[in-house]
């Protein structure tokens, strides 16, 4: 998963090396997440479920990029990574939307129509 600009500073300078080490630990296969079986997707090959070419990523299980302990990192295919992160992303999107609404940033800074 690409690192968003606003989170880039939260990753250690050697993130690329850490990420590669985790992928090698997983033998370039999706490790799955706790409580769910691994899908078996292999980096660079067709995904067994979606058929798309797999790009292996590394996920922080606690969603904290600063925490790069091995037990917090999992090599995941894009499908598993997105499925694992969906609730976290929805929460972030909700908080961002509320903050923008509160700050008047929605609708180009105009007042919202009253209903």
PDB file of N, CA and C in Angstrom:
ATOM      1  N   UNK A   1       0.845  -1.156   0.000  1.00  0.00           N
ATOM      2  CA  UNK A   1       0.000   0.000   0.000  1.00  0.00           C
ATOM      3  C   UNK A   1       0.901   1.233   0.000  1.00  0.00           C
ATOM      4  N   UNK A   2       0.579   2.183  -0.819  1.00  0.00           N
ATOM      5  CA  UNK A   2       1.395   3.393  -0.805  1.00  0.00           C
ATOM      6  C   UNK A   2       1.267   4.117   0.536  1.00  0.00           C
ATOM      7  N   UNK A   3       2.331   4.733   0.956  1.00  0.00           N
ATOM      8  CA  UNK A   3       2.320   5.503   2.195  1.00  0.00           C
ATOM      9  C   UNK A   3       1.810   6.900   1.872  1.00  0.00           C
ATOM     10  N   UNK A   4       0.783   7.327   2.589  1.00  0.00           N
ATOM     11  CA  UNK A   4       0.232   8.662   2.340  1.00  0.00           C
ATOM     12  C   UNK A   4       1.223   9.720   2.804  1.00  0.00           C
ATOM     13  N   UNK A   5       1.176  10.855   2.153  1.00  0.00           N
ATOM     14  CA  UNK A   5       2.115  11.938   2.455  1.00  0.00           C
ATOM     15  C   UNK A   5       2.036  12.364   3.914  1.00  0.00           C
ATOM     16  N   UNK A   6       0.817  12.405   4.448  1.00  0.00           N
ATOM     17  CA  UNK A   6       0.675  12.859   5.838  1.00  0.00           C
ATOM     18  C   UNK A   6       1.225  11.860   6.857  1.00  0.00           C
ATOM     19  N   UNK A   7       1.414  10.603   6.446  1.00  0.00           N
ATOM     20  CA  UNK A   7       1.957   9.593   7.367  1.00  0.00           C
ATOM     21  C   UNK A   7       3.416   9.246   7.113  1.00  0.00           C
ATOM     22  N   UNK A   8       4.012   9.778   6.067  1.00  0.00           N
ATOM     23  CA  UNK A   8       5.377   9.399   5.681  1.00  0.00           C
ATOM     24  C   UNK A   8       6.386   9.582   6.822  1.00  0.00           C
ATOM     25  N   UNK A   9       6.256  10.648   7.576  1.00  0.00           N
ATOM     26  CA  UNK A   9       7.216  10.916   8.660  1.00  0.00           C
ATOM     27  C   UNK A   9       7.090   9.932   9.817  1.00  0.00           C
ATOM     28  N   UNK A  10       5.994   9.198   9.876  1.00  0.00           N
ATOM     29  CA  UNK A  10       5.776   8.239  10.965  1.00  0.00           C
ATOM     30  C   UNK A  10       6.527   6.925  10.748  1.00  0.00           C
ATOM     31  N   UNK A  11       6.983   6.684   9.525  1.00  0.00           N
ATOM     32  CA  UNK A  11       7.702   5.446   9.208  1.00  0.00           C
ATOM     33  C   UNK A  11       9.193   5.632   9.463  1.00  0.00           C
ATOM     34  N   UNK A  12       9.867   4.579   9.923  1.00  0.00           N
ATOM     35  CA  UNK A  12      11.316   4.702  10.139  1.00  0.00           C
ATOM     36  C   UNK A  12      12.049   4.880   8.813  1.00  0.00           C
ATOM     37  N   UNK A  13      13.218   5.478   8.880  1.00  0.00           N
ATOM     38  CA  UNK A  13      14.012   5.721   7.668  1.00  0.00           C
ATOM     39  C   UNK A  13      14.348   4.424   6.920  1.00  0.00           C
ATOM     40  N   UNK A  14      14.464   3.319   7.667  1.00  0.00           N
ATOM     41  CA  UNK A  14      14.808   2.038   7.040  1.00  0.00           C
ATOM     42  C   UNK A  14      13.569   1.170   6.764  1.00  0.00           C
ATOM     43  N   UNK A  15      12.410   1.814   6.557  1.00  0.00           N
ATOM     44  CA  UNK A  15      11.170   1.072   6.330  1.00  0.00           C
ATOM     45  C   UNK A  15      11.280   0.114   5.139  1.00  0.00           C
ATOM     46  N   UNK A  16      11.918   0.542   4.074  1.00  0.00           N
ATOM     47  CA  UNK A  16      12.035  -0.324   2.883  1.00  0.00           C
ATOM     48  C   UNK A  16      12.747  -1.629   3.238  1.00  0.00           C
ATOM     49  N   UNK A  17      13.831  -1.546   4.010  1.00  0.00           N
ATOM     50  CA  UNK A  17      14.573  -2.747   4.416  1.00  0.00           C
ATOM     51  C   UNK A  17      13.731  -3.607   5.363  1.00  0.00           C
ATOM     52  N   UNK A  18      13.019  -2.971   6.282  1.00  0.00           N
ATOM     53  CA  UNK A  18      12.148  -3.715   7.208  1.00  0.00           C
ATOM     54  C   UNK A  18      11.072  -4.445   6.415  1.00  0.00           C
ATOM     55  N   UNK A  19      10.447  -3.743   5.494  1.00  0.00           N
ATOM     56  CA  UNK A  19       9.386  -4.312   4.672  1.00  0.00           C
ATOM     57  C   UNK A  19       9.890  -5.513   3.869  1.00  0.00           C
ATOM     58  N   UNK A  20      11.049  -5.375   3.248  1.00  0.00           N
ATOM     59  CA  UNK A  20      11.618  -6.486   2.473  1.00  0.00           C
ATOM     60  C   UNK A  20      11.928  -7.688   3.367  1.00  0.00           C
ATOM     61  N   UNK A  21      12.431  -7.428   4.577  1.00  0.00           N
ATOM     62  CA  UNK A  21      12.734  -8.519   5.509  1.00  0.00           C
ATOM     63  C   UNK A  21      11.462  -9.284   5.888  1.00  0.00           C
ATOM     64  N   UNK A  22      10.367  -8.570   6.115  1.00  0.00           N
ATOM     65  CA  UNK A  22       9.097  -9.215   6.475  1.00  0.00           C
ATOM     66  C   UNK A  22       8.569 -10.041   5.300  1.00  0.00           C
ATOM     67  N   UNK A  23       8.684  -9.512   4.093  1.00  0.00           N
ATOM     68  CA  UNK A  23       8.241 -10.256   2.907  1.00  0.00           C
ATOM     69  C   UNK A  23       9.063 -11.528   2.727  1.00  0.00           C
ATOM     70  N   UNK A  24      10.374 -11.427   2.963  1.00  0.00           N
ATOM     71  CA  UNK A  24      11.225 -12.624   2.851  1.00  0.00           C
ATOM     72  C   UNK A  24      10.902 -13.640   3.946  1.00  0.00           C
ATOM     73  N   UNK A  25      10.612 -13.134   5.151  1.00  0.00           N
ATOM     74  CA  UNK A  25      10.192 -14.027   6.245  1.00  0.00           C
ATOM     75  C   UNK A  25       8.980 -14.853   5.818  1.00  0.00           C
ATOM     76  N   UNK A  26       8.092 -14.228   5.050  1.00  0.00           N
ATOM     77  CA  UNK A  26       6.867 -14.876   4.596  1.00  0.00           C
ATOM     78  C   UNK A  26       7.061 -15.651   3.294  1.00  0.00           C
ATOM     79  N   UNK A  27       8.295 -15.747   2.827  1.00  0.00           N
ATOM     80  CA  UNK A  27       8.601 -16.425   1.565  1.00  0.00           C
ATOM     81  C   UNK A  27       7.809 -15.819   0.403  1.00  0.00           C
ATOM     82  N   UNK A  28       7.603 -14.488   0.466  1.00  0.00           N
ATOM     83  CA  UNK A  28       6.915 -13.720  -0.579  1.00  0.00           C
ATOM     84  C   UNK A  28       5.467 -14.187  -0.786  1.00  0.00           C
ATOM     85  N   UNK A  29       4.860 -14.729   0.286  1.00  0.00           N
ATOM     86  CA  UNK A  29       3.458 -15.162   0.261  1.00  0.00           C
ATOM     87  C   UNK A  29       2.656 -14.365   1.281  1.00  0.00           C
ATOM     88  N   UNK A  30       1.386 -14.196   1.005  1.00  0.00           N
ATOM     89  CA  UNK A  30       0.488 -13.533   1.945  1.00  0.00           C
ATOM     90  C   UNK A  30       0.398 -14.375   3.216  1.00  0.00           C
ATOM     91  N   UNK A  31       0.706 -13.742   4.351  1.00  0.00           N
ATOM     92  CA  UNK A  31       0.665 -14.446   5.636  1.00  0.00           C
ATOM     93  C   UNK A  31      -0.727 -14.477   6.254  1.00  0.00           C
ATOM     94  N   UNK A  32      -1.634 -13.661   5.761  1.00  0.00           N
ATOM     95  CA  UNK A  32      -2.947 -13.566   6.387  1.00  0.00           C
ATOM     96  C   UNK A  32      -2.849 -12.797   7.692  1.00  0.00           C
ATOM     97  N   UNK A  33      -3.981 -12.610   8.329  1.00  0.00           N
ATOM     98  CA  UNK A  33      -4.037 -11.867   9.585  1.00  0.00           C
ATOM     99  C   UNK A  33      -4.567 -12.773  10.682  1.00  0.00           C
ATOM    100  N   UNK A  34      -4.330 -12.397  11.943  1.00  0.00           N
ATOM    101  CA  UNK A  34      -4.826 -13.226  13.038  1.00  0.00           C
ATOM    102  C   UNK A  34      -6.334 -13.472  12.920  1.00  0.00           C
ATOM    103  N   UNK A  35      -6.725 -14.700  13.088  1.00  0.00           N
ATOM    104  CA  UNK A  35      -8.136 -15.062  13.037  1.00  0.00           C
ATOM    105  C   UNK A  35      -8.666 -15.368  11.652  1.00  0.00           C
ATOM    106  N   UNK A  36      -7.843 -15.197  10.627  1.00  0.00           N
ATOM    107  CA  UNK A  36      -8.262 -15.504   9.262  1.00  0.00           C
ATOM    108  C   UNK A  36      -7.173 -16.324   8.586  1.00  0.00           C
ATOM    109  N   UNK A  37      -7.549 -17.321   7.808  1.00  0.00           N
ATOM    110  CA  UNK A  37      -6.522 -18.108   7.114  1.00  0.00           C
ATOM    111  C   UNK A  37      -5.843 -17.286   6.026  1.00  0.00           C
ATOM    112  N   UNK A  38      -4.586 -17.594   5.785  1.00  0.00           N
ATOM    113  CA  UNK A  38      -3.848 -16.923   4.709  1.00  0.00           C
ATOM    114  C   UNK A  38      -4.451 -17.344   3.370  1.00  0.00           C
ATOM    115  N   UNK A  39      -4.507 -16.406   2.429  1.00  0.00           N
ATOM    116  CA  UNK A  39      -5.102 -16.708   1.120  1.00  0.00           C
ATOM    117  C   UNK A  39      -4.128 -17.455   0.213  1.00  0.00           C
ATOM    118  N   UNK A  40      -2.833 -17.409   0.537  1.00  0.00           N
ATOM    119  CA  UNK A  40      -1.844 -18.128  -0.256  1.00  0.00           C
ATOM    120  C   UNK A  40      -1.328 -17.376  -1.463  1.00  0.00           C
ATOM    121  N   UNK A  41      -1.721 -16.118  -1.620  1.00  0.00           N
ATOM    122  CA  UNK A  41      -1.273 -15.333  -2.769  1.00  0.00           C
ATOM    123  C   UNK A  41       0.248 -15.168  -2.740  1.00  0.00           C
ATOM    124  N   UNK A  42       0.865 -15.249  -3.923  1.00  0.00           N
ATOM    125  CA  UNK A  42       2.319 -15.149  -4.067  1.00  0.00           C
ATOM    126  C   UNK A  42       2.657 -13.892  -4.865  1.00  0.00           C
ATOM    127  N   UNK A  43       3.599 -13.120  -4.338  1.00  0.00           N
ATOM    128  CA  UNK A  43       4.016 -11.876  -4.983  1.00  0.00           C
ATOM    129  C   UNK A  43       4.390 -12.118  -6.446  1.00  0.00           C
ATOM    130  N   UNK A  44       3.835 -11.285  -7.330  1.00  0.00           N
ATOM    131  CA  UNK A  44       4.161 -11.360  -8.750  1.00  0.00           C
ATOM    132  C   UNK A  44       3.351 -12.371  -9.546  1.00  0.00           C
ATOM    133  N   UNK A  45       2.583 -13.208  -8.851  1.00  0.00           N
ATOM    134  CA  UNK A  45       1.749 -14.201  -9.546  1.00  0.00           C
ATOM    135  C   UNK A  45       0.288 -13.771  -9.498  1.00  0.00           C
ATOM    136  N   UNK A  46      -0.565 -14.523 -10.163  1.00  0.00           N
ATOM    137  CA  UNK A  46      -1.999 -14.222 -10.164  1.00  0.00           C
ATOM    138  C   UNK A  46      -2.601 -14.599  -8.815  1.00  0.00           C
ATOM    139  N   UNK A  47      -3.454 -13.724  -8.299  1.00  0.00           N
ATOM    140  CA  UNK A  47      -4.117 -13.961  -7.021  1.00  0.00           C
ATOM    141  C   UNK A  47      -5.084 -15.128  -7.168  1.00  0.00           C
ATOM    142  N   UNK A  48      -5.087 -16.066  -6.212  1.00  0.00           N
ATOM    143  CA  UNK A  48      -5.958 -17.240  -6.330  1.00  0.00           C
ATOM    144  C   UNK A  48      -7.450 -16.919  -6.287  1.00  0.00           C
ATOM    145  N   UNK A  49      -7.822 -15.752  -5.788  1.00  0.00           N
ATOM    146  CA  UNK A  49      -9.237 -15.381  -5.700  1.00  0.00           C
ATOM    147  C   UNK A  49      -9.603 -14.339  -6.750  1.00  0.00           C
ATOM    148  N   UNK A  50      -8.797 -13.293  -6.872  1.00  0.00           N
ATOM    149  CA  UNK A  50      -9.157 -12.181  -7.763  1.00  0.00           C
ATOM    150  C   UNK A  50      -8.596 -12.319  -9.170  1.00  0.00           C
ATOM    151  N   UNK A  51      -7.505 -13.049  -9.316  1.00  0.00           N
ATOM    152  CA  UNK A  51      -6.863 -13.181 -10.616  1.00  0.00           C
ATOM    153  C   UNK A  51      -5.920 -12.033 -10.958  1.00  0.00           C
ATOM    154  N   UNK A  52      -5.889 -11.000 -10.129  1.00  0.00           N
ATOM    155  CA  UNK A  52      -4.996  -9.859 -10.358  1.00  0.00           C
ATOM    156  C   UNK A  52      -3.564 -10.238  -9.991  1.00  0.00           C
ATOM    157  N   UNK A  53      -2.593  -9.545 -10.574  1.00  0.00           N
ATOM    158  CA  UNK A  53      -1.197  -9.775 -10.218  1.00  0.00           C
ATOM    159  C   UNK A  53      -0.987  -9.274  -8.789  1.00  0.00           C
ATOM    160  N   UNK A  54      -0.399 -10.111  -7.959  1.00  0.00           N
ATOM    161  CA  UNK A  54      -0.224  -9.815  -6.541  1.00  0.00           C
ATOM    162  C   UNK A  54       0.970  -8.892  -6.314  1.00  0.00           C
ATOM    163  N   UNK A  55       0.738  -7.851  -5.526  1.00  0.00           N
ATOM    164  CA  UNK A  55       1.799  -6.998  -5.022  1.00  0.00           C
ATOM    165  C   UNK A  55       1.759  -7.171  -3.512  1.00  0.00           C
ATOM    166  N   UNK A  56       2.775  -7.812  -2.976  1.00  0.00           N
ATOM    167  CA  UNK A  56       2.819  -8.053  -1.539  1.00  0.00           C
ATOM    168  C   UNK A  56       3.116  -6.751  -0.809  1.00  0.00           C
ATOM    169  N   UNK A  57       2.407  -6.515   0.268  1.00  0.00           N
ATOM    170  CA  UNK A  57       2.574  -5.317   1.083  1.00  0.00           C
ATOM    171  C   UNK A  57       2.892  -5.747   2.504  1.00  0.00           C
ATOM    172  N   UNK A  58       3.225  -4.791   3.360  1.00  0.00           N
ATOM    173  CA  UNK A  58       3.450  -5.100   4.767  1.00  0.00           C
ATOM    174  C   UNK A  58       2.506  -4.242   5.594  1.00  0.00           C
ATOM    175  N   UNK A  59       1.724  -4.901   6.435  1.00  0.00           N
ATOM    176  CA  UNK A  59       0.727  -4.219   7.263  1.00  0.00           C
ATOM    177  C   UNK A  59       1.183  -4.139   8.708  1.00  0.00           C
ATOM    178  N   UNK A  60       0.827  -3.037   9.343  1.00  0.00           N
ATOM    179  CA  UNK A  60       1.005  -2.880  10.790  1.00  0.00           C
ATOM    180  C   UNK A  60      -0.304  -3.335  11.426  1.00  0.00           C
ATOM    181  N   UNK A  61      -0.273  -4.403  12.184  1.00  0.00           N
ATOM    182  CA  UNK A  61      -1.502  -4.951  12.751  1.00  0.00           C
ATOM    183  C   UNK A  61      -2.190  -3.976  13.700  1.00  0.00           C
ATOM    184  N   UNK A  62      -1.423  -3.121  14.358  1.00  0.00           N
ATOM    185  CA  UNK A  62      -2.024  -2.148  15.277  1.00  0.00           C
ATOM    186  C   UNK A  62      -2.212  -0.772  14.617  1.00  0.00           C
ATOM    187  N   UNK A  63      -1.967  -0.694  13.322  1.00  0.00           N
ATOM    188  CA  UNK A  63      -2.141   0.538  12.538  1.00  0.00           C
ATOM    189  C   UNK A  63      -1.239   1.676  13.013  1.00  0.00           C
ATOM    190  N   UNK A  64      -0.133   1.340  13.646  1.00  0.00           N
ATOM    191  CA  UNK A  64       0.816   2.347  14.137  1.00  0.00           C
ATOM    192  C   UNK A  64       2.132   2.182  13.376  1.00  0.00           C
ATOM    193  N   UNK A  65       2.405   3.026  12.360  1.00  0.00           N
ATOM    194  CA  UNK A  65       3.615   2.883  11.551  1.00  0.00           C
ATOM    195  C   UNK A  65       4.917   2.954  12.339  1.00  0.00           C
ATOM    196  N   UNK A  66       4.871   3.573  13.511  1.00  0.00           N
ATOM    197  CA  UNK A  66       6.078   3.669  14.328  1.00  0.00           C
ATOM    198  C   UNK A  66       6.442   2.323  14.956  1.00  0.00           C
ATOM    199  N   UNK A  67       5.469   1.432  15.096  1.00  0.00           N
ATOM    200  CA  UNK A  67       5.675   0.134  15.752  1.00  0.00           C
ATOM    201  C   UNK A  67       6.057  -0.919  14.706  1.00  0.00           C
ATOM    202  N   UNK A  68       7.348  -1.105  14.540  1.00  0.00           N
ATOM    203  CA  UNK A  68       7.843  -2.036  13.522  1.00  0.00           C
ATOM    204  C   UNK A  68       8.379  -3.333  14.130  1.00  0.00           C
ATOM    205  N   UNK A  69       7.842  -3.710  15.285  1.00  0.00           N
ATOM    206  CA  UNK A  69       8.213  -4.991  15.887  1.00  0.00           C
ATOM    207  C   UNK A  69       7.721  -6.112  14.976  1.00  0.00           C
ATOM    208  N   UNK A  70       8.510  -7.154  14.832  1.00  0.00           N
ATOM    209  CA  UNK A  70       8.155  -8.251  13.933  1.00  0.00           C
ATOM    210  C   UNK A  70       6.750  -8.794  14.174  1.00  0.00           C
ATOM    211  N   UNK A  71       6.354  -8.906  15.435  1.00  0.00           N
ATOM    212  CA  UNK A  71       5.034  -9.479  15.730  1.00  0.00           C
ATOM    213  C   UNK A  71       3.886  -8.532  15.345  1.00  0.00           C
ATOM    214  N   UNK A  72       4.194  -7.274  15.053  1.00  0.00           N
ATOM    215  CA  UNK A  72       3.184  -6.312  14.627  1.00  0.00           C
ATOM    216  C   UNK A  72       3.101  -6.200  13.105  1.00  0.00           C
ATOM    217  N   UNK A  73       3.994  -6.848  12.387  1.00  0.00           N
ATOM    218  CA  UNK A  73       4.051  -6.727  10.935  1.00  0.00           C
ATOM    219  C   UNK A  73       3.673  -8.032  10.260  1.00  0.00           C
ATOM    220  N   UNK A  74       2.881  -7.934   9.194  1.00  0.00           N
ATOM    221  CA  UNK A  74       2.500  -9.094   8.401  1.00  0.00           C
ATOM    222  C   UNK A  74       2.623  -8.773   6.930  1.00  0.00           C
ATOM    223  N   UNK A  75       3.151  -9.706   6.174  1.00  0.00           N
ATOM    224  CA  UNK A  75       3.170  -9.588   4.720  1.00  0.00           C
ATOM    225  C   UNK A  75       1.779  -9.976   4.226  1.00  0.00           C
ATOM    226  N   UNK A  76       1.139  -9.060   3.513  1.00  0.00           N
ATOM    227  CA  UNK A  76      -0.220  -9.295   3.029  1.00  0.00           C
ATOM    228  C   UNK A  76      -0.346  -8.918   1.565  1.00  0.00           C
ATOM    229  N   UNK A  77      -1.174  -9.673   0.845  1.00  0.00           N
ATOM    230  CA  UNK A  77      -1.513  -9.256  -0.511  1.00  0.00           C
ATOM    231  C   UNK A  77      -2.401  -8.017  -0.382  1.00  0.00           C
ATOM    232  N   UNK A  78      -2.592  -7.314  -1.475  1.00  0.00           N
ATOM    233  CA  UNK A  78      -3.395  -6.088  -1.433  1.00  0.00           C
ATOM    234  C   UNK A  78      -4.826  -6.366  -0.961  1.00  0.00           C
ATOM    235  N   UNK A  79      -5.391  -7.488  -1.400  1.00  0.00           N
ATOM    236  CA  UNK A  79      -6.768  -7.821  -1.005  1.00  0.00           C
ATOM    237  C   UNK A  79      -6.865  -7.998   0.506  1.00  0.00           C
ATOM    238  N   UNK A  80      -5.979  -8.788   1.084  1.00  0.00           N
ATOM    239  CA  UNK A  80      -6.025  -9.030   2.530  1.00  0.00           C
ATOM    240  C   UNK A  80      -5.705  -7.758   3.311  1.00  0.00           C
ATOM    241  N   UNK A  81      -4.754  -6.960   2.811  1.00  0.00           N
ATOM    242  CA  UNK A  81      -4.396  -5.712   3.484  1.00  0.00           C
ATOM    243  C   UNK A  81      -5.602  -4.763   3.498  1.00  0.00           C
ATOM    244  N   UNK A  82      -6.260  -4.613   2.362  1.00  0.00           N
ATOM    245  CA  UNK A  82      -7.433  -3.742   2.296  1.00  0.00           C
ATOM    246  C   UNK A  82      -8.563  -4.250   3.186  1.00  0.00           C
ATOM    247  N   UNK A  83      -8.786  -5.549   3.185  1.00  0.00           N
ATOM    248  CA  UNK A  83      -9.840  -6.122   4.035  1.00  0.00           C
ATOM    249  C   UNK A  83      -9.517  -5.916   5.504  1.00  0.00           C
ATOM    250  N   UNK A  84      -8.251  -6.032   5.870  1.00  0.00           N
ATOM    251  CA  UNK A  84      -7.852  -5.848   7.264  1.00  0.00           C
ATOM    252  C   UNK A  84      -8.012  -4.385   7.690  1.00  0.00           C
ATOM    253  N   UNK A  85      -7.707  -3.459   6.797  1.00  0.00           N
ATOM    254  CA  UNK A  85      -7.716  -2.031   7.121  1.00  0.00           C
ATOM    255  C   UNK A  85      -9.071  -1.347   6.971  1.00  0.00           C
ATOM    256  N   UNK A  86     -10.073  -2.015   6.421  1.00  0.00           N
ATOM    257  CA  UNK A  86     -11.321  -1.339   6.059  1.00  0.00           C
ATOM    258  C   UNK A  86     -11.983  -0.633   7.245  1.00  0.00           C
ATOM    259  N   UNK A  87     -12.091  -1.261   8.384  1.00  0.00           N
ATOM    260  CA  UNK A  87     -12.741  -0.617   9.538  1.00  0.00           C
ATOM    261  C   UNK A  87     -11.930   0.584  10.014  1.00  0.00           C
ATOM    262  N   UNK A  88     -10.624   0.438  10.030  1.00  0.00           N
ATOM    263  CA  UNK A  88      -9.743   1.525  10.450  1.00  0.00           C
ATOM    264  C   UNK A  88      -9.888   2.718   9.497  1.00  0.00           C
ATOM    265  N   UNK A  89      -9.914   2.461   8.205  1.00  0.00           N
ATOM    266  CA  UNK A  89     -10.049   3.536   7.222  1.00  0.00           C
ATOM    267  C   UNK A  89     -11.406   4.222   7.308  1.00  0.00           C
ATOM    268  N   UNK A  90     -12.454   3.440   7.523  1.00  0.00           N
ATOM    269  CA  UNK A  90     -13.787   4.040   7.666  1.00  0.00           C
ATOM    270  C   UNK A  90     -13.822   4.979   8.869  1.00  0.00           C
ATOM    271  N   UNK A  91     -13.218   4.563   9.971  1.00  0.00           N
ATOM    272  CA  UNK A  91     -13.164   5.409  11.165  1.00  0.00           C
ATOM    273  C   UNK A  91     -12.408   6.697  10.896  1.00  0.00           C
ATOM    274  N   UNK A  92     -11.276   6.577  10.196  1.00  0.00           N
ATOM    275  CA  UNK A  92     -10.495   7.773   9.857  1.00  0.00           C
ATOM    276  C   UNK A  92     -11.289   8.697   8.936  1.00  0.00           C
ATOM    277  N   UNK A  93     -11.972   8.132   7.953  1.00  0.00           N
ATOM    278  CA  UNK A  93     -12.751   8.937   7.012  1.00  0.00           C
ATOM    279  C   UNK A  93     -13.866   9.670   7.749  1.00  0.00           C
ATOM    280  N   UNK A  94     -14.493   8.992   8.681  1.00  0.00           N
ATOM    281  CA  UNK A  94     -15.565   9.604   9.465  1.00  0.00           C
ATOM    282  C   UNK A  94     -15.044  10.765  10.295  1.00  0.00           C
ATOM    283  N   UNK A  95     -13.911  10.560  10.947  1.00  0.00           N
ATOM    284  CA  UNK A  95     -13.320  11.623  11.771  1.00  0.00           C
ATOM    285  C   UNK A  95     -12.913  12.816  10.897  1.00  0.00           C
ATOM    286  N   UNK A  96     -12.338  12.543   9.740  1.00  0.00           N
ATOM    287  CA  UNK A  96     -11.928  13.614   8.831  1.00  0.00           C
ATOM    288  C   UNK A  96     -13.145  14.406   8.353  1.00  0.00           C
ATOM    289  N   UNK A  97     -14.201  13.706   7.983  1.00  0.00           N
ATOM    290  CA  UNK A  97     -15.413  14.366   7.510  1.00  0.00           C
ATOM    291  C   UNK A  97     -16.012  15.253   8.599  1.00  0.00           C
ATOM    292  N   UNK A  98     -16.089  14.743   9.830  1.00  0.00           N
ATOM    293  CA  UNK A  98     -16.618  15.540  10.943  1.00  0.00           C
ATOM    294  C   UNK A  98     -15.760  16.782  11.190  1.00  0.00           C
ATOM    295  N   UNK A  99     -14.439  16.604  11.134  1.00  0.00           N
ATOM    296  CA  UNK A  99     -13.534  17.739  11.370  1.00  0.00           C
ATOM    297  C   UNK A  99     -13.697  18.789  10.286  1.00  0.00           C
ATOM    298  N   UNK A 100     -13.797  18.356   9.035  1.00  0.00           N
ATOM    299  CA  UNK A 100     -13.959  19.311   7.936  1.00  0.00           C
ATOM    300  C   UNK A 100     -15.295  20.039   8.050  1.00  0.00           C
ATOM    301  N   UNK A 101     -16.328  19.298   8.418  1.00  0.00           N
ATOM    302  CA  UNK A 101     -17.640  19.915   8.569  1.00  0.00           C
ATOM    303  C   UNK A 101     -17.591  20.951   9.695  1.00  0.00           C
ATOM    304  N   UNK A 102     -16.963  20.583  10.784  1.00  0.00           N
ATOM    305  CA  UNK A 102     -16.845  21.482  11.938  1.00  0.00           C
ATOM    306  C   UNK A 102     -16.046  22.739  11.576  1.00  0.00           C
ATOM    307  N   UNK A 103     -15.022  22.574  10.745  1.00  0.00           N
ATOM    308  CA  UNK A 103     -14.158  23.697  10.364  1.00  0.00           C
ATOM    309  C   UNK A 103     -14.678  24.466   9.151  1.00  0.00           C
ATOM    310  N   UNK A 104     -15.837  24.075   8.611  1.00  0.00           N
ATOM    311  CA  UNK A 104     -16.404  24.766   7.457  1.00  0.00           C
ATOM    312  C   UNK A 104     -15.661  24.504   6.169  1.00  0.00           C
ATOM    313  N   UNK A 105     -14.919  23.384   6.094  1.00  0.00           N
ATOM    314  CA  UNK A 105     -14.121  23.094   4.905  1.00  0.00           C
ATOM    315  C   UNK A 105     -14.906  22.343   3.840  1.00  0.00           C
ATOM    316  N   UNK A 106     -16.073  21.833   4.175  1.00  0.00           N
ATOM    317  CA  UNK A 106     -16.880  21.148   3.171  1.00  0.00           C
ATOM    318  C   UNK A 106     -17.533  22.172   2.256  1.00  0.00           C
ATOM    319  N   UNK A 107     -17.888  21.781   1.085  1.00  0.00           N
ATOM    320  CA  UNK A 107     -18.567  22.638   0.124  1.00  0.00           C
ATOM    321  C   UNK A 107     -17.764  23.893  -0.182  1.00  0.00           C
ATOM    322  N   UNK A 108     -16.448  23.756  -0.243  1.00  0.00           N
ATOM    323  CA  UNK A 108     -15.587  24.869  -0.618  1.00  0.00           C
ATOM    324  C   UNK A 108     -15.595  26.017   0.366  1.00  0.00           C
ATOM    325  N   UNK A 109     -15.856  25.701   1.638  1.00  0.00           N
ATOM    326  CA  UNK A 109     -15.844  26.713   2.673  1.00  0.00           C
ATOM    327  C   UNK A 109     -17.164  27.449   2.831  1.00  0.00           C
ATOM    328  N   UNK A 110     -18.150  27.115   1.979  1.00  0.00           N
ATOM    329  CA  UNK A 110     -19.452  27.755   2.090  1.00  0.00           C
ATOM    330  C   UNK A 110     -20.233  27.129   3.220  1.00  0.00           C
ATOM    331  N   UNK A 111     -21.192  27.841   3.688  1.00  0.00           N
ATOM    332  CA  UNK A 111     -22.102  27.293   4.697  1.00  0.00           C
ATOM    333  C   UNK A 111     -22.902  26.181   4.060  1.00  0.00           C
ATOM    334  N   UNK A 112     -23.230  25.156   4.846  1.00  0.00           N
ATOM    335  CA  UNK A 112     -24.055  24.073   4.325  1.00  0.00           C
ATOM    336  C   UNK A 112     -25.502  24.521   4.311  1.00  0.00           C
ATOM    337  N   UNK A 113     -26.274  24.069   3.305  1.00  0.00           N
ATOM    338  CA  UNK A 113     -27.690  24.451   3.262  1.00  0.00           C
ATOM    339  C   UNK A 113     -28.418  23.867   4.476  1.00  0.00           C
ATOM    340  N   UNK A 114     -29.306  24.636   5.029  1.00  0.00           N
ATOM    341  CA  UNK A 114     -30.076  24.126   6.166  1.00  0.00           C
ATOM    342  C   UNK A 114     -31.241  23.323   5.653  1.00  0.00           C
ATOM    343  N   UNK A 115     -31.526  22.224   6.358  1.00  0.00           N
ATOM    344  CA  UNK A 115     -32.570  21.323   5.896  1.00  0.00           C
ATOM    345  C   UNK A 115     -33.670  21.305   6.772  1.00  0.00           C
TER     346      UNK A 115
END
